[in-house]
Amino acid sequence: MAELATIARPYAEALFKASSSDVAATSAWLDKVAAIAANPELQQFADNPKATAEQVLGVVAGAFGAPLPAHAQNFLGALLENGRFSVLPEIAKQFRALANVKSGSSDAVVYSAFPIDAAALANVSAALEKRFGRKLQVTVQQDPELIGGIRVVVGDEVLDTSVKARLEQMKVALAA
């Protein structure tokens, strides 16, 4: 994985510098295109020597659902020409990290056993921002193994209030 991070870093930094006037818009299309590029079949197609950069861009644009901005097409074309299309998800991750540093925020992933509605998520976000002392970009992922409660990961910090974690704590306490 270190190799992917090393390859992705200069691309993420160059894209960040080039889009410094509108980081949010670049982040929006980059995240969507990175999710598309993470598809193993698309990566296999992009790695095929018979597939041209225009063909791959056509597939990505079709999956994107709207016309790609010109600078997005140029960026993706450069990745394809250099054989770096498979690194796009890592580039997006590093770009988000640079954007977070600039805005003074962090990414937070909330794992929940059940779906969280918008109102509850807003309350959870506010409480988490107060707890971690910074603005958070919150995303939610379902994890039925938690049984109930939530598990929050912010960088290398973890806040686990799930039923599963409490049961594990009780198991350790009873075994001691």
N, C-alpha and C. Protein backbone atom coordinates (compact mmCIF):
# COMPACT_ATOMS: atom_id res chain seq x y z
N MET A 1 0.81 -1.21 0.00
CA MET A 1 0.00 0.00 0.00
C MET A 1 0.85 1.27 0.00
N ALA A 2 2.03 1.18 0.59
CA ALA A 2 2.88 2.36 0.63
C ALA A 2 3.24 2.81 -0.78
N GLU A 3 3.37 1.85 -1.69
CA GLU A 3 3.72 2.20 -3.05
C GLU A 3 2.60 3.02 -3.70
N LEU A 4 1.35 2.60 -3.49
CA LEU A 4 0.23 3.36 -4.04
C LEU A 4 0.21 4.79 -3.49
N ALA A 5 0.44 4.92 -2.19
CA ALA A 5 0.45 6.24 -1.57
C ALA A 5 1.57 7.10 -2.15
N THR A 6 2.72 6.50 -2.39
CA THR A 6 3.85 7.23 -2.95
C THR A 6 3.56 7.68 -4.37
N ILE A 7 2.93 6.81 -5.15
CA ILE A 7 2.57 7.16 -6.53
C ILE A 7 1.50 8.24 -6.55
N ALA A 8 0.53 8.14 -5.66
CA ALA A 8 -0.63 9.04 -5.66
C ALA A 8 -0.30 10.45 -5.15
N ARG A 9 0.67 10.57 -4.27
CA ARG A 9 0.95 11.86 -3.62
C ARG A 9 1.21 13.01 -4.60
N PRO A 10 2.10 12.87 -5.60
CA PRO A 10 2.33 14.01 -6.48
C PRO A 10 1.09 14.39 -7.31
N TYR A 11 0.30 13.38 -7.69
CA TYR A 11 -0.92 13.68 -8.44
C TYR A 11 -1.93 14.43 -7.57
N ALA A 12 -2.09 13.99 -6.33
CA ALA A 12 -3.02 14.65 -5.41
C ALA A 12 -2.58 16.08 -5.13
N GLU A 13 -1.28 16.27 -4.90
CA GLU A 13 -0.78 17.61 -4.62
C GLU A 13 -0.92 18.53 -5.82
N ALA A 14 -0.63 18.02 -7.01
CA ALA A 14 -0.76 18.83 -8.23
C ALA A 14 -2.21 19.21 -8.47
N LEU A 15 -3.12 18.26 -8.30
CA LEU A 15 -4.54 18.56 -8.47
C LEU A 15 -5.02 19.55 -7.43
N PHE A 16 -4.53 19.42 -6.20
CA PHE A 16 -4.92 20.34 -5.14
C PHE A 16 -4.45 21.76 -5.44
N LYS A 17 -3.21 21.90 -5.90
CA LYS A 17 -2.69 23.23 -6.25
C LYS A 17 -3.45 23.82 -7.43
N ALA A 18 -3.77 22.99 -8.42
CA ALA A 18 -4.47 23.48 -9.60
C ALA A 18 -5.91 23.87 -9.29
N SER A 19 -6.50 23.28 -8.28
CA SER A 19 -7.90 23.56 -7.96
C SER A 19 -8.06 24.35 -6.68
N SER A 20 -7.04 25.06 -6.28
CA SER A 20 -7.09 25.78 -5.01
C SER A 20 -8.22 26.81 -4.95
N SER A 21 -8.68 27.29 -6.09
CA SER A 21 -9.77 28.28 -6.08
C SER A 21 -11.13 27.64 -5.82
N ASP A 22 -11.30 26.34 -6.14
CA ASP A 22 -12.58 25.68 -5.93
C ASP A 22 -12.36 24.22 -5.53
N VAL A 23 -11.86 24.05 -4.31
CA VAL A 23 -11.53 22.72 -3.81
C VAL A 23 -12.80 21.86 -3.66
N ALA A 24 -13.89 22.46 -3.23
CA ALA A 24 -15.13 21.70 -3.00
C ALA A 24 -15.66 21.07 -4.28
N ALA A 25 -15.65 21.84 -5.37
CA ALA A 25 -16.15 21.31 -6.65
C ALA A 25 -15.24 20.19 -7.15
N THR A 26 -13.94 20.39 -7.04
CA THR A 26 -13.00 19.36 -7.47
C THR A 26 -13.16 18.10 -6.62
N SER A 27 -13.32 18.29 -5.33
CA SER A 27 -13.51 17.16 -4.44
C SER A 27 -14.77 16.38 -4.79
N ALA A 28 -15.82 17.09 -5.18
CA ALA A 28 -17.09 16.43 -5.53
C ALA A 28 -16.92 15.50 -6.73
N TRP A 29 -16.34 16.04 -7.83
CA TRP A 29 -16.19 15.17 -9.00
C TRP A 29 -15.13 14.11 -8.80
N LEU A 30 -14.09 14.44 -8.04
CA LEU A 30 -13.01 13.48 -7.81
C LEU A 30 -13.50 12.28 -7.00
N ASP A 31 -14.29 12.53 -5.96
CA ASP A 31 -14.82 11.43 -5.16
C ASP A 31 -15.71 10.52 -5.99
N LYS A 32 -16.54 11.12 -6.83
CA LYS A 32 -17.44 10.33 -7.66
C LYS A 32 -16.66 9.52 -8.71
N VAL A 33 -15.69 10.15 -9.35
CA VAL A 33 -14.89 9.45 -10.35
C VAL A 33 -14.02 8.37 -9.69
N ALA A 34 -13.53 8.62 -8.49
CA ALA A 34 -12.72 7.62 -7.78
C ALA A 34 -13.56 6.40 -7.44
N ALA A 35 -14.81 6.62 -7.07
CA ALA A 35 -15.70 5.50 -6.78
C ALA A 35 -15.95 4.68 -8.05
N ILE A 36 -16.09 5.37 -9.16
CA ILE A 36 -16.27 4.68 -10.45
C ILE A 36 -15.00 3.91 -10.80
N ALA A 37 -13.85 4.54 -10.60
CA ALA A 37 -12.56 3.93 -10.96
C ALA A 37 -12.21 2.75 -10.07
N ALA A 38 -12.83 2.64 -8.91
CA ALA A 38 -12.54 1.53 -8.00
C ALA A 38 -13.14 0.21 -8.50
N ASN A 39 -14.00 0.27 -9.51
CA ASN A 39 -14.61 -0.93 -10.06
C ASN A 39 -13.52 -1.79 -10.71
N PRO A 40 -13.39 -3.04 -10.28
CA PRO A 40 -12.33 -3.90 -10.82
C PRO A 40 -12.45 -4.14 -12.33
N GLU A 41 -13.66 -4.22 -12.83
CA GLU A 41 -13.84 -4.44 -14.27
C GLU A 41 -13.37 -3.23 -15.07
N LEU A 42 -13.64 -2.03 -14.55
CA LEU A 42 -13.19 -0.82 -15.24
C LEU A 42 -11.67 -0.72 -15.18
N GLN A 43 -11.08 -1.09 -14.07
CA GLN A 43 -9.61 -1.07 -13.96
C GLN A 43 -8.99 -2.06 -14.93
N GLN A 44 -9.62 -3.21 -15.06
CA GLN A 44 -9.12 -4.21 -16.01
C GLN A 44 -9.22 -3.67 -17.44
N PHE A 45 -10.33 -3.00 -17.75
CA PHE A 45 -10.51 -2.40 -19.06
C PHE A 45 -9.47 -1.31 -19.31
N ALA A 46 -9.22 -0.48 -18.30
CA ALA A 46 -8.24 0.61 -18.44
C ALA A 46 -6.83 0.06 -18.62
N ASP A 47 -6.54 -1.08 -18.02
CA ASP A 47 -5.21 -1.69 -18.14
C ASP A 47 -5.02 -2.45 -19.44
N ASN A 48 -6.11 -2.68 -20.16
CA ASN A 48 -6.04 -3.40 -21.43
C ASN A 48 -5.29 -2.56 -22.46
N PRO A 49 -4.23 -3.07 -23.06
CA PRO A 49 -3.46 -2.27 -24.02
C PRO A 49 -4.25 -1.93 -25.29
N LYS A 50 -5.31 -2.68 -25.58
CA LYS A 50 -6.12 -2.38 -26.76
C LYS A 50 -7.13 -1.26 -26.51
N ALA A 51 -7.39 -0.93 -25.25
CA ALA A 51 -8.33 0.14 -24.93
C ALA A 51 -7.61 1.49 -24.98
N THR A 52 -8.21 2.44 -25.67
CA THR A 52 -7.61 3.78 -25.76
C THR A 52 -8.07 4.62 -24.57
N ALA A 53 -7.34 5.69 -24.33
CA ALA A 53 -7.71 6.61 -23.25
C ALA A 53 -9.09 7.20 -23.50
N GLU A 54 -9.42 7.48 -24.77
CA GLU A 54 -10.73 8.05 -25.10
C GLU A 54 -11.85 7.06 -24.77
N GLN A 55 -11.62 5.77 -25.00
CA GLN A 55 -12.63 4.77 -24.68
C GLN A 55 -12.86 4.69 -23.17
N VAL A 56 -11.79 4.68 -22.42
CA VAL A 56 -11.91 4.62 -20.96
C VAL A 56 -12.60 5.87 -20.45
N LEU A 57 -12.20 7.04 -20.97
CA LEU A 57 -12.87 8.28 -20.56
C LEU A 57 -14.35 8.26 -20.91
N GLY A 58 -14.70 7.66 -22.04
CA GLY A 58 -16.10 7.54 -22.42
C GLY A 58 -16.89 6.70 -21.44
N VAL A 59 -16.30 5.59 -20.99
CA VAL A 59 -16.96 4.74 -20.01
C VAL A 59 -17.12 5.48 -18.69
N VAL A 60 -16.07 6.17 -18.25
CA VAL A 60 -16.13 6.92 -16.99
C VAL A 60 -17.18 8.03 -17.09
N ALA A 61 -17.19 8.76 -18.21
CA ALA A 61 -18.16 9.83 -18.38
C ALA A 61 -19.59 9.27 -18.40
N GLY A 62 -19.78 8.12 -19.03
CA GLY A 62 -21.10 7.50 -19.04
C GLY A 62 -21.55 7.10 -17.65
N ALA A 63 -20.65 6.56 -16.85
CA ALA A 63 -20.98 6.17 -15.49
C ALA A 63 -21.14 7.39 -14.58
N PHE A 64 -20.45 8.47 -14.92
CA PHE A 64 -20.53 9.71 -14.13
C PHE A 64 -21.93 10.31 -14.21
N GLY A 65 -22.58 10.16 -15.36
CA GLY A 65 -23.95 10.61 -15.50
C GLY A 65 -24.11 12.05 -15.93
N ALA A 66 -23.04 12.77 -16.06
CA ALA A 66 -23.06 14.17 -16.50
C ALA A 66 -21.74 14.42 -17.20
N PRO A 67 -21.68 15.49 -18.01
CA PRO A 67 -20.40 15.78 -18.65
C PRO A 67 -19.32 16.09 -17.62
N LEU A 68 -18.16 15.48 -17.81
CA LEU A 68 -17.03 15.76 -16.92
C LEU A 68 -16.47 17.14 -17.21
N PRO A 69 -16.08 17.90 -16.18
CA PRO A 69 -15.43 19.18 -16.43
C PRO A 69 -14.15 18.97 -17.25
N ALA A 70 -13.75 19.99 -17.98
CA ALA A 70 -12.58 19.90 -18.85
C ALA A 70 -11.32 19.53 -18.06
N HIS A 71 -11.14 20.15 -16.89
CA HIS A 71 -9.94 19.84 -16.10
C HIS A 71 -10.00 18.40 -15.56
N ALA A 72 -11.18 17.86 -15.35
CA ALA A 72 -11.30 16.46 -14.93
C ALA A 72 -10.89 15.54 -16.07
N GLN A 73 -11.33 15.86 -17.28
CA GLN A 73 -10.94 15.05 -18.43
C GLN A 73 -9.43 15.10 -18.65
N ASN A 74 -8.84 16.29 -18.50
CA ASN A 74 -7.39 16.42 -18.66
C ASN A 74 -6.64 15.60 -17.60
N PHE A 75 -7.12 15.68 -16.37
CA PHE A 75 -6.48 14.95 -15.27
C PHE A 75 -6.59 13.45 -15.51
N LEU A 76 -7.78 12.97 -15.85
CA LEU A 76 -7.96 11.54 -16.09
C LEU A 76 -7.15 11.08 -17.31
N GLY A 77 -7.07 11.94 -18.32
CA GLY A 77 -6.26 11.61 -19.49
C GLY A 77 -4.80 11.44 -19.12
N ALA A 78 -4.29 12.32 -18.26
CA ALA A 78 -2.89 12.21 -17.82
C ALA A 78 -2.67 10.92 -17.04
N LEU A 79 -3.63 10.56 -16.19
CA LEU A 79 -3.50 9.31 -15.44
C LEU A 79 -3.49 8.10 -16.37
N LEU A 80 -4.37 8.12 -17.36
CA LEU A 80 -4.44 7.01 -18.30
C LEU A 80 -3.17 6.90 -19.14
N GLU A 81 -2.65 8.04 -19.61
CA GLU A 81 -1.43 8.02 -20.42
C GLU A 81 -0.23 7.49 -19.64
N ASN A 82 -0.22 7.76 -18.33
CA ASN A 82 0.89 7.33 -17.49
C ASN A 82 0.64 5.98 -16.82
N GLY A 83 -0.48 5.33 -17.13
CA GLY A 83 -0.78 4.03 -16.55
C GLY A 83 -1.07 4.09 -15.06
N ARG A 84 -1.65 5.19 -14.61
CA ARG A 84 -1.90 5.38 -13.18
C ARG A 84 -3.39 5.41 -12.83
N PHE A 85 -4.25 4.92 -13.71
CA PHE A 85 -5.69 4.99 -13.48
C PHE A 85 -6.09 4.22 -12.22
N SER A 86 -5.42 3.11 -11.94
CA SER A 86 -5.77 2.29 -10.77
C SER A 86 -5.45 3.00 -9.45
N VAL A 87 -4.67 4.06 -9.50
CA VAL A 87 -4.28 4.79 -8.29
C VAL A 87 -5.30 5.88 -7.94
N LEU A 88 -6.30 6.08 -8.79
CA LEU A 88 -7.27 7.17 -8.60
C LEU A 88 -7.96 7.16 -7.24
N PRO A 89 -8.41 6.02 -6.69
CA PRO A 89 -9.01 6.06 -5.35
C PRO A 89 -8.05 6.58 -4.28
N GLU A 90 -6.78 6.22 -4.37
CA GLU A 90 -5.79 6.72 -3.40
C GLU A 90 -5.53 8.21 -3.61
N ILE A 91 -5.54 8.66 -4.85
CA ILE A 91 -5.39 10.09 -5.13
C ILE A 91 -6.53 10.87 -4.48
N ALA A 92 -7.75 10.36 -4.62
CA ALA A 92 -8.91 11.02 -4.03
C ALA A 92 -8.79 11.07 -2.50
N LYS A 93 -8.30 10.00 -1.91
CA LYS A 93 -8.12 9.96 -0.45
C LYS A 93 -7.11 11.01 -0.01
N GLN A 94 -5.99 11.10 -0.72
CA GLN A 94 -4.97 12.09 -0.35
C GLN A 94 -5.44 13.52 -0.63
N PHE A 95 -6.22 13.70 -1.70
CA PHE A 95 -6.76 15.02 -2.00
C PHE A 95 -7.69 15.47 -0.87
N ARG A 96 -8.54 14.54 -0.37
CA ARG A 96 -9.44 14.87 0.75
C ARG A 96 -8.63 15.25 1.98
N ALA A 97 -7.53 14.56 2.22
CA ALA A 97 -6.68 14.87 3.37
C ALA A 97 -6.10 16.28 3.25
N LEU A 98 -5.65 16.65 2.04
CA LEU A 98 -5.12 18.00 1.83
C LEU A 98 -6.22 19.05 2.01
N ALA A 99 -7.41 18.76 1.50
CA ALA A 99 -8.54 19.69 1.65
C ALA A 99 -8.93 19.84 3.11
N ASN A 100 -8.89 18.74 3.86
CA ASN A 100 -9.21 18.80 5.28
C ASN A 100 -8.21 19.65 6.05
N VAL A 101 -6.94 19.52 5.72
CA VAL A 101 -5.91 20.33 6.38
C VAL A 101 -6.17 21.81 6.11
N LYS A 102 -6.52 22.13 4.87
CA LYS A 102 -6.77 23.53 4.50
C LYS A 102 -7.98 24.08 5.24
N SER A 103 -9.03 23.27 5.39
CA SER A 103 -10.25 23.75 6.03
C SER A 103 -10.26 23.54 7.54
N GLY A 104 -9.28 22.83 8.06
CA GLY A 104 -9.22 22.58 9.50
C GLY A 104 -10.23 21.55 9.97
N SER A 105 -10.58 20.62 9.12
CA SER A 105 -11.55 19.59 9.49
C SER A 105 -10.93 18.21 9.31
N SER A 106 -11.71 17.19 9.66
CA SER A 106 -11.27 15.81 9.52
C SER A 106 -12.41 14.97 9.00
N ASP A 107 -12.07 13.84 8.40
CA ASP A 107 -13.08 12.86 7.98
C ASP A 107 -13.44 12.00 9.17
N ALA A 108 -14.72 11.70 9.31
CA ALA A 108 -15.20 10.82 10.36
C ALA A 108 -16.13 9.80 9.74
N VAL A 109 -15.92 8.55 10.11
CA VAL A 109 -16.81 7.48 9.65
C VAL A 109 -17.58 6.98 10.86
N VAL A 110 -18.92 7.04 10.75
CA VAL A 110 -19.79 6.56 11.80
C VAL A 110 -20.35 5.21 11.36
N TYR A 111 -20.01 4.17 12.11
CA TYR A 111 -20.54 2.84 11.84
C TYR A 111 -21.74 2.64 12.75
N SER A 112 -22.85 2.23 12.16
CA SER A 112 -24.08 2.05 12.91
C SER A 112 -24.73 0.74 12.50
N ALA A 113 -25.40 0.09 13.44
CA ALA A 113 -26.09 -1.16 13.14
C ALA A 113 -27.34 -0.90 12.30
N PHE A 114 -27.88 0.30 12.40
CA PHE A 114 -29.12 0.66 11.71
C PHE A 114 -28.93 1.95 10.93
N PRO A 115 -29.78 2.22 9.94
CA PRO A 115 -29.69 3.50 9.22
C PRO A 115 -29.93 4.68 10.17
N ILE A 116 -29.23 5.77 9.92
CA ILE A 116 -29.38 6.97 10.74
C ILE A 116 -30.05 8.03 9.88
N ASP A 117 -31.16 8.61 10.37
CA ASP A 117 -31.84 9.65 9.58
C ASP A 117 -31.08 10.97 9.70
N ALA A 118 -31.46 11.93 8.86
CA ALA A 118 -30.72 13.20 8.76
C ALA A 118 -30.71 13.97 10.07
N ALA A 119 -31.85 14.01 10.76
CA ALA A 119 -31.92 14.77 12.02
C ALA A 119 -31.02 14.15 13.08
N ALA A 120 -31.05 12.84 13.21
CA ALA A 120 -30.20 12.17 14.19
C ALA A 120 -28.73 12.33 13.83
N LEU A 121 -28.42 12.27 12.54
CA LEU A 121 -27.04 12.43 12.10
C LEU A 121 -26.53 13.84 12.40
N ALA A 122 -27.39 14.84 12.25
CA ALA A 122 -26.99 16.21 12.58
C ALA A 122 -26.67 16.33 14.07
N ASN A 123 -27.47 15.70 14.92
CA ASN A 123 -27.21 15.72 16.37
C ASN A 123 -25.93 14.98 16.70
N VAL A 124 -25.72 13.83 16.08
CA VAL A 124 -24.51 13.05 16.31
C VAL A 124 -23.28 13.84 15.85
N SER A 125 -23.39 14.47 14.67
CA SER A 125 -22.28 15.26 14.14
C SER A 125 -21.90 16.39 15.08
N ALA A 126 -22.91 17.10 15.59
CA ALA A 126 -22.63 18.20 16.52
C ALA A 126 -21.95 17.70 17.78
N ALA A 127 -22.42 16.59 18.32
CA ALA A 127 -21.81 16.03 19.53
C ALA A 127 -20.38 15.56 19.26
N LEU A 128 -20.16 14.95 18.10
CA LEU A 128 -18.82 14.48 17.76
C LEU A 128 -17.85 15.63 17.54
N GLU A 129 -18.32 16.70 16.88
CA GLU A 129 -17.46 17.86 16.67
C GLU A 129 -17.04 18.46 18.01
N LYS A 130 -17.97 18.49 18.96
CA LYS A 130 -17.65 19.01 20.29
C LYS A 130 -16.66 18.07 21.00
N ARG A 131 -16.88 16.76 20.87
CA ARG A 131 -16.03 15.76 21.52
C ARG A 131 -14.61 15.76 20.96
N PHE A 132 -14.48 15.85 19.63
CA PHE A 132 -13.16 15.79 19.00
C PHE A 132 -12.53 17.17 18.83
N GLY A 133 -13.28 18.23 19.04
CA GLY A 133 -12.73 19.59 19.02
C GLY A 133 -12.37 20.12 17.64
N ARG A 134 -13.03 19.62 16.60
CA ARG A 134 -12.79 20.12 15.25
C ARG A 134 -13.99 19.80 14.37
N LYS A 135 -14.04 20.48 13.24
CA LYS A 135 -15.12 20.24 12.28
C LYS A 135 -14.90 18.88 11.62
N LEU A 136 -16.00 18.13 11.44
CA LEU A 136 -15.90 16.79 10.89
C LEU A 136 -16.74 16.65 9.62
N GLN A 137 -16.19 15.93 8.65
CA GLN A 137 -16.92 15.53 7.45
C GLN A 137 -17.41 14.11 7.73
N VAL A 138 -18.67 13.96 8.09
CA VAL A 138 -19.20 12.69 8.58
C VAL A 138 -19.80 11.86 7.44
N THR A 139 -19.42 10.59 7.39
CA THR A 139 -20.06 9.62 6.51
C THR A 139 -20.54 8.47 7.38
N VAL A 140 -21.60 7.81 6.94
CA VAL A 140 -22.20 6.73 7.71
C VAL A 140 -22.08 5.42 6.95
N GLN A 141 -21.71 4.37 7.66
CA GLN A 141 -21.67 3.02 7.08
C GLN A 141 -22.40 2.08 8.04
N GLN A 142 -23.21 1.22 7.47
CA GLN A 142 -23.93 0.25 8.30
C GLN A 142 -23.06 -0.95 8.60
N ASP A 143 -23.12 -1.41 9.85
CA ASP A 143 -22.40 -2.59 10.30
C ASP A 143 -23.30 -3.34 11.28
N PRO A 144 -24.09 -4.29 10.79
CA PRO A 144 -25.05 -5.00 11.65
C PRO A 144 -24.40 -5.74 12.82
N GLU A 145 -23.10 -6.05 12.73
CA GLU A 145 -22.42 -6.77 13.81
C GLU A 145 -22.34 -5.94 15.09
N LEU A 146 -22.55 -4.63 15.02
CA LEU A 146 -22.47 -3.78 16.20
C LEU A 146 -23.65 -4.00 17.15
N ILE A 147 -24.72 -4.58 16.68
CA ILE A 147 -25.95 -4.88 17.40
C ILE A 147 -26.74 -3.60 17.69
N GLY A 148 -26.10 -2.58 18.22
CA GLY A 148 -26.72 -1.30 18.51
C GLY A 148 -25.63 -0.30 18.84
N GLY A 149 -25.99 0.97 18.95
CA GLY A 149 -25.02 2.01 19.23
C GLY A 149 -24.23 2.38 17.98
N ILE A 150 -23.14 3.12 18.18
CA ILE A 150 -22.31 3.55 17.05
C ILE A 150 -20.83 3.35 17.39
N ARG A 151 -20.05 3.31 16.33
CA ARG A 151 -18.59 3.28 16.43
C ARG A 151 -18.09 4.37 15.50
N VAL A 152 -17.28 5.30 16.01
CA VAL A 152 -16.81 6.44 15.23
C VAL A 152 -15.29 6.35 15.07
N VAL A 153 -14.84 6.53 13.83
CA VAL A 153 -13.40 6.54 13.55
C VAL A 153 -13.05 7.89 12.93
N VAL A 154 -12.19 8.63 13.62
CA VAL A 154 -11.69 9.92 13.14
C VAL A 154 -10.17 9.83 13.11
N GLY A 155 -9.63 9.65 11.90
CA GLY A 155 -8.19 9.47 11.78
C GLY A 155 -7.78 8.19 12.51
N ASP A 156 -6.93 8.32 13.53
CA ASP A 156 -6.51 7.15 14.29
C ASP A 156 -7.22 7.07 15.64
N GLU A 157 -8.21 7.93 15.86
CA GLU A 157 -8.99 7.90 17.09
C GLU A 157 -10.28 7.13 16.86
N VAL A 158 -10.66 6.32 17.85
CA VAL A 158 -11.88 5.51 17.76
C VAL A 158 -12.72 5.75 19.02
N LEU A 159 -14.00 6.00 18.82
CA LEU A 159 -14.96 6.13 19.91
C LEU A 159 -16.00 5.04 19.68
N ASP A 160 -16.01 4.03 20.55
CA ASP A 160 -16.88 2.87 20.35
C ASP A 160 -17.91 2.80 21.47
N THR A 161 -19.16 3.12 21.16
CA THR A 161 -20.25 3.03 22.12
C THR A 161 -21.25 1.96 21.70
N SER A 162 -20.79 0.99 20.94
CA SER A 162 -21.68 -0.05 20.43
C SER A 162 -21.98 -1.09 21.50
N VAL A 163 -23.07 -1.79 21.30
CA VAL A 163 -23.45 -2.88 22.19
C VAL A 163 -22.40 -3.99 22.14
N LYS A 164 -21.88 -4.24 20.95
CA LYS A 164 -20.86 -5.27 20.79
C LYS A 164 -19.64 -4.96 21.67
N ALA A 165 -19.19 -3.71 21.67
CA ALA A 165 -18.04 -3.32 22.48
C ALA A 165 -18.33 -3.47 23.97
N ARG A 166 -19.54 -3.11 24.38
CA ARG A 166 -19.89 -3.25 25.80
C ARG A 166 -19.95 -4.71 26.22
N LEU A 167 -20.48 -5.58 25.34
CA LEU A 167 -20.50 -7.01 25.63
C LEU A 167 -19.09 -7.56 25.76
N GLU A 168 -18.19 -7.11 24.89
CA GLU A 168 -16.78 -7.54 24.97
C GLU A 168 -16.15 -7.09 26.29
N GLN A 169 -16.47 -5.86 26.73
CA GLN A 169 -15.94 -5.36 27.99
C GLN A 169 -16.45 -6.21 29.15
N MET A 170 -17.74 -6.58 29.12
CA MET A 170 -18.31 -7.42 30.17
C MET A 170 -17.66 -8.81 30.16
N LYS A 171 -17.40 -9.34 28.99
CA LYS A 171 -16.78 -10.66 28.85
C LYS A 171 -15.38 -10.64 29.48
N VAL A 172 -14.62 -9.58 29.20
CA VAL A 172 -13.27 -9.45 29.78
C VAL A 172 -13.35 -9.30 31.29
N ALA A 173 -14.31 -8.50 31.77
CA ALA A 173 -14.45 -8.29 33.22
C ALA A 173 -14.85 -9.57 33.93
N LEU A 174 -15.75 -10.36 33.34
CA LEU A 174 -16.18 -11.61 33.97
C LEU A 174 -15.09 -12.68 33.92
N ALA A 175 -14.26 -12.65 32.90
CA ALA A 175 -13.20 -13.63 32.77
C ALA A 175 -12.02 -13.32 33.71
N ALA A 176 -11.92 -12.10 34.18
CA ALA A 176 -10.77 -11.70 35.02
C ALA A 176 -10.89 -12.17 36.44
